Amino acid sequence: MIRNLETVSVEELHDAFVDAFSNYESKMDLSVKQLSEMLTTRSYNAKFSRGFFDNGHLVGFLLVGYRVIDGVTYFYDTATGTRQNYQKQGIGDALLKEIKNEMKIDGIDTFVLEVLEHNVAAQELYKKNGFIIKRKLNCFTYTIEDKDDFKTIEIDYRINHAECADVKSYCSFEPSWQNSNISYNNSKELNTKIDYYYRNKMIGYLICNKESGNIMQLGLDKEYRTIEILANILNHIKVNHGIKKIKLLNIEDGSGIDTLLHQFGFNNFINQYEMELVIK
């Protein structure tokens, strides 16, 4: 039986989530609190989301984020999973078809999702349902160390929670759903936004989760996308915020920031594709 998730608690979702992703390529051992924060950040909508139930037990789910952006209505696949004992029974396909039908009923324009680069089976499922690949997104980790071989320059910083990031001026690509300015607004209490200045000119910014070290956005003026500038920014968040291990998800392949992270020596641990379905 498929129905929406309006009466399903985050604890019940978490139980199914942990089971479904226990053997996933990318580790996803979130706590109930972390799952709840993820749902809030990504604009989770229980009414539009769907679950597959066996005798009242949630065994599969498609968690949908919902937004209206510049007059266009969007669904986003926050997470899709099936409990281990129920996998390879077509549950994911059934849930996806149900969501597509919901889009037509409610007039939703576009459905966006991400799928791991090596998950060919899932990619083929999405393609069969009308999705196309829009871009490749790379994911990085890094442990901040002292960069004594780089000359120290004086960079000023200002904590600035009031304003969203000026993506067009500093970011070398449009952030993905989970890293967008809307996501930042949904989770300001979890993140620190730091603006960086050099000789009284703003040269970039960083949005970083205070607890996890996950970087939601890193933006640098094109003229200042250098290893030296990045080294100073990383040293700043290590010294002033106690953040040493960081993670950047969904950096557009081939973008200026992607190139800089590779040059700096970040670990590109996994990649994925952003796919899109437009209902005409």
Foldseek 3Di string as FASTA:
>chain_A
DKAFQPPPDLVLVLVLVCQFCVPPPDDDNDDSVRSVLLCLLLQWDRRLKMFDDDVNRTFWIFTWHWDQDPNAIEIERSDTGGGPVCPPPCPRLVRVVVSVVVCVVVVHFKYKYKDFPPPVVVVVSVVVVAKDFDFKFFKWKAFQDQPVVADDADKDKDWDLPDFDPCVQWPQDAADSSLHSSSCVSPVVQWIKMFIDDPNHTFWIWIAGLPPQETSDTTGGPVPLALNNVSNVQVCCCVPRVRGMYMYTGRTPPTSNNVSCVVNPTGRPTMITMMMHGDD
